[in-house]
């Protein structure tokens, strides 16, 4: 895990066109802005865990060729 310190207005750039911006820090809360290509899904961790049971069967299903 990479751990960084950033101030409001500063950014972190990740390959694949993903940019994370620190928008605001108030007390113990940090507001982040995330820019990513349309095909990249960005979810809060609790949403990703909630969707996991629904995503697994679709990922495991064999792909069908279109006629």
N, C-alpha and C. Protein backbone atom coordinates (compact mmCIF):
# COMPACT_ATOMS: atom_id res chain seq x y z
N UNK A 1 0.85 -1.18 0.00
CA UNK A 1 0.00 0.00 0.00
C UNK A 1 0.89 1.24 0.00
N UNK A 2 0.59 2.13 -0.89
CA UNK A 2 1.29 3.42 -0.93
C UNK A 2 0.50 4.41 -0.08
N UNK A 3 1.17 5.07 0.83
CA UNK A 3 0.53 6.07 1.70
C UNK A 3 1.12 7.43 1.37
N UNK A 4 0.24 8.38 1.04
CA UNK A 4 0.67 9.72 0.66
C UNK A 4 -0.01 10.77 1.53
N UNK A 5 0.65 11.87 1.71
CA UNK A 5 0.03 13.04 2.34
C UNK A 5 -0.22 14.05 1.23
N UNK A 6 -1.41 14.59 1.16
CA UNK A 6 -1.78 15.59 0.16
C UNK A 6 -2.55 16.70 0.85
N UNK A 7 -2.43 17.88 0.33
CA UNK A 7 -3.17 19.03 0.83
C UNK A 7 -4.32 19.32 -0.12
N UNK A 8 -5.34 20.06 0.34
CA UNK A 8 -6.42 20.43 -0.57
C UNK A 8 -5.87 21.10 -1.83
N UNK A 9 -6.39 20.68 -2.97
CA UNK A 9 -5.95 21.20 -4.25
C UNK A 9 -4.88 20.34 -4.90
N UNK A 10 -4.25 19.46 -4.14
CA UNK A 10 -3.23 18.59 -4.71
C UNK A 10 -3.88 17.33 -5.28
N UNK A 11 -3.15 16.66 -6.18
CA UNK A 11 -3.70 15.51 -6.88
C UNK A 11 -2.75 14.32 -6.84
N UNK A 12 -3.31 13.15 -7.11
CA UNK A 12 -2.55 11.93 -7.31
C UNK A 12 -2.99 11.40 -8.67
N UNK A 13 -2.02 11.09 -9.53
CA UNK A 13 -2.32 10.60 -10.87
C UNK A 13 -1.95 9.13 -10.94
N UNK A 14 -2.89 8.30 -11.44
CA UNK A 14 -2.69 6.87 -11.58
C UNK A 14 -2.78 6.55 -13.07
N UNK A 15 -1.97 5.61 -13.54
CA UNK A 15 -2.04 5.26 -14.96
C UNK A 15 -3.46 4.86 -15.33
N UNK A 16 -3.76 4.96 -16.60
CA UNK A 16 -5.10 4.61 -17.07
C UNK A 16 -6.03 5.80 -17.06
N UNK A 17 -5.49 7.00 -16.89
CA UNK A 17 -6.33 8.20 -16.94
C UNK A 17 -7.10 8.46 -15.67
N UNK A 18 -6.62 7.97 -14.53
CA UNK A 18 -7.31 8.16 -13.25
C UNK A 18 -6.58 9.23 -12.45
N UNK A 19 -7.33 10.23 -11.98
CA UNK A 19 -6.78 11.31 -11.16
C UNK A 19 -7.63 11.46 -9.91
N UNK A 20 -6.98 11.50 -8.76
CA UNK A 20 -7.67 11.71 -7.49
C UNK A 20 -7.25 13.06 -6.95
N UNK A 21 -8.23 13.92 -6.68
CA UNK A 21 -7.96 15.27 -6.18
C UNK A 21 -8.48 15.40 -4.75
N UNK A 22 -7.71 16.03 -3.89
CA UNK A 22 -8.18 16.36 -2.55
C UNK A 22 -8.93 17.67 -2.67
N UNK A 23 -10.22 17.64 -2.45
CA UNK A 23 -11.05 18.83 -2.61
C UNK A 23 -11.15 19.63 -1.32
N UNK A 24 -11.27 18.91 -0.18
CA UNK A 24 -11.52 19.61 1.08
C UNK A 24 -11.17 18.70 2.24
N UNK A 25 -10.63 19.27 3.30
CA UNK A 25 -10.38 18.55 4.54
C UNK A 25 -11.02 19.35 5.66
N UNK A 26 -11.97 18.73 6.35
CA UNK A 26 -12.64 19.38 7.47
C UNK A 26 -12.62 18.40 8.64
N UNK A 27 -11.85 18.72 9.66
CA UNK A 27 -11.75 17.81 10.81
C UNK A 27 -11.19 16.47 10.36
N UNK A 28 -11.93 15.41 10.61
CA UNK A 28 -11.51 14.04 10.24
C UNK A 28 -12.07 13.61 8.90
N UNK A 29 -12.71 14.49 8.17
CA UNK A 29 -13.31 14.13 6.88
C UNK A 29 -12.51 14.71 5.73
N UNK A 30 -12.34 13.88 4.71
CA UNK A 30 -11.63 14.30 3.50
C UNK A 30 -12.58 14.13 2.33
N UNK A 31 -12.74 15.16 1.53
CA UNK A 31 -13.58 15.08 0.34
C UNK A 31 -12.65 14.91 -0.86
N UNK A 32 -12.85 13.80 -1.61
CA UNK A 32 -12.02 13.48 -2.76
C UNK A 32 -12.82 13.62 -4.04
N UNK A 33 -12.16 14.02 -5.09
CA UNK A 33 -12.74 14.01 -6.43
C UNK A 33 -11.98 12.98 -7.25
N UNK A 34 -12.69 12.13 -7.96
CA UNK A 34 -12.05 11.07 -8.74
C UNK A 34 -12.46 11.22 -10.19
N UNK A 35 -11.48 11.39 -11.05
CA UNK A 35 -11.71 11.45 -12.50
C UNK A 35 -11.18 10.15 -13.09
N UNK A 36 -12.04 9.45 -13.87
CA UNK A 36 -11.63 8.19 -14.48
C UNK A 36 -12.37 8.03 -15.80
N UNK A 37 -11.82 7.24 -16.72
CA UNK A 37 -12.53 6.98 -17.98
C UNK A 37 -13.88 6.32 -17.70
N UNK A 38 -14.81 6.48 -18.63
CA UNK A 38 -16.16 5.94 -18.46
C UNK A 38 -16.18 4.44 -18.20
N UNK A 39 -15.23 3.70 -18.78
CA UNK A 39 -15.25 2.24 -18.63
C UNK A 39 -14.68 1.78 -17.29
N UNK A 40 -14.16 2.69 -16.47
CA UNK A 40 -13.62 2.33 -15.16
C UNK A 40 -14.69 2.56 -14.11
N UNK A 41 -15.04 1.51 -13.39
CA UNK A 41 -16.04 1.61 -12.33
C UNK A 41 -15.36 2.10 -11.06
N UNK A 42 -15.91 3.12 -10.44
CA UNK A 42 -15.38 3.67 -9.19
C UNK A 42 -16.48 3.54 -8.15
N UNK A 43 -16.21 2.76 -7.09
CA UNK A 43 -17.21 2.52 -6.04
C UNK A 43 -16.59 2.73 -4.67
N UNK A 44 -17.42 3.12 -3.71
CA UNK A 44 -17.00 3.10 -2.32
C UNK A 44 -16.82 1.63 -1.92
N UNK A 45 -15.93 1.34 -0.99
CA UNK A 45 -15.63 -0.05 -0.61
C UNK A 45 -16.88 -0.80 -0.16
N UNK A 46 -17.76 -0.15 0.59
CA UNK A 46 -18.95 -0.85 1.08
C UNK A 46 -19.89 -1.23 -0.07
N UNK A 47 -19.91 -0.43 -1.12
CA UNK A 47 -20.74 -0.76 -2.29
C UNK A 47 -20.12 -1.92 -3.07
N UNK A 48 -18.80 -1.94 -3.19
CA UNK A 48 -18.12 -3.02 -3.90
C UNK A 48 -18.36 -4.35 -3.19
N UNK A 49 -18.30 -4.36 -1.86
CA UNK A 49 -18.57 -5.60 -1.10
C UNK A 49 -20.02 -6.02 -1.27
N UNK A 50 -20.95 -5.07 -1.31
CA UNK A 50 -22.36 -5.38 -1.45
C UNK A 50 -22.65 -5.97 -2.83
N UNK A 51 -21.97 -5.47 -3.86
CA UNK A 51 -22.19 -5.95 -5.23
C UNK A 51 -21.46 -7.25 -5.54
N UNK A 52 -20.44 -7.62 -4.74
CA UNK A 52 -19.63 -8.80 -5.02
C UNK A 52 -20.45 -10.06 -5.31
N UNK A 53 -21.44 -10.43 -4.49
CA UNK A 53 -22.19 -11.66 -4.77
C UNK A 53 -22.92 -11.62 -6.11
N UNK A 54 -23.30 -10.44 -6.57
CA UNK A 54 -24.03 -10.31 -7.84
C UNK A 54 -23.08 -10.30 -9.03
N UNK A 55 -21.87 -9.80 -8.83
CA UNK A 55 -20.89 -9.70 -9.92
C UNK A 55 -20.22 -11.05 -10.22
N UNK A 56 -19.97 -11.86 -9.19
CA UNK A 56 -19.23 -13.11 -9.36
C UNK A 56 -19.89 -14.06 -10.36
N UNK A 57 -21.20 -14.33 -10.29
CA UNK A 57 -21.80 -15.26 -11.26
C UNK A 57 -21.68 -14.75 -12.70
N UNK A 58 -21.78 -13.45 -12.90
CA UNK A 58 -21.69 -12.89 -14.24
C UNK A 58 -20.26 -13.04 -14.78
N UNK A 59 -19.26 -12.84 -13.91
CA UNK A 59 -17.88 -12.97 -14.33
C UNK A 59 -17.52 -14.41 -14.65
N UNK A 60 -18.14 -15.37 -13.94
CA UNK A 60 -17.83 -16.78 -14.12
C UNK A 60 -18.57 -17.39 -15.31
N UNK A 61 -19.63 -16.74 -15.79
CA UNK A 61 -20.42 -17.26 -16.91
C UNK A 61 -19.60 -17.24 -18.19
N UNK A 62 -19.71 -18.30 -19.01
CA UNK A 62 -18.96 -18.31 -20.26
C UNK A 62 -19.46 -17.23 -21.22
N UNK A 63 -18.54 -16.65 -21.96
CA UNK A 63 -18.89 -15.61 -22.91
C UNK A 63 -19.48 -16.25 -24.17
N UNK A 64 -20.56 -15.71 -24.68
CA UNK A 64 -21.17 -16.21 -25.89
C UNK A 64 -20.80 -15.28 -27.05
N UNK A 65 -20.46 -15.91 -28.19
CA UNK A 65 -20.14 -15.13 -29.37
C UNK A 65 -21.42 -14.62 -30.01
N UNK A 66 -21.39 -13.39 -30.46
CA UNK A 66 -22.54 -12.81 -31.16
C UNK A 66 -22.56 -13.31 -32.59
N UNK A 67 -23.77 -13.63 -33.13
CA UNK A 67 -23.83 -14.08 -34.53
C UNK A 67 -23.55 -12.97 -35.50
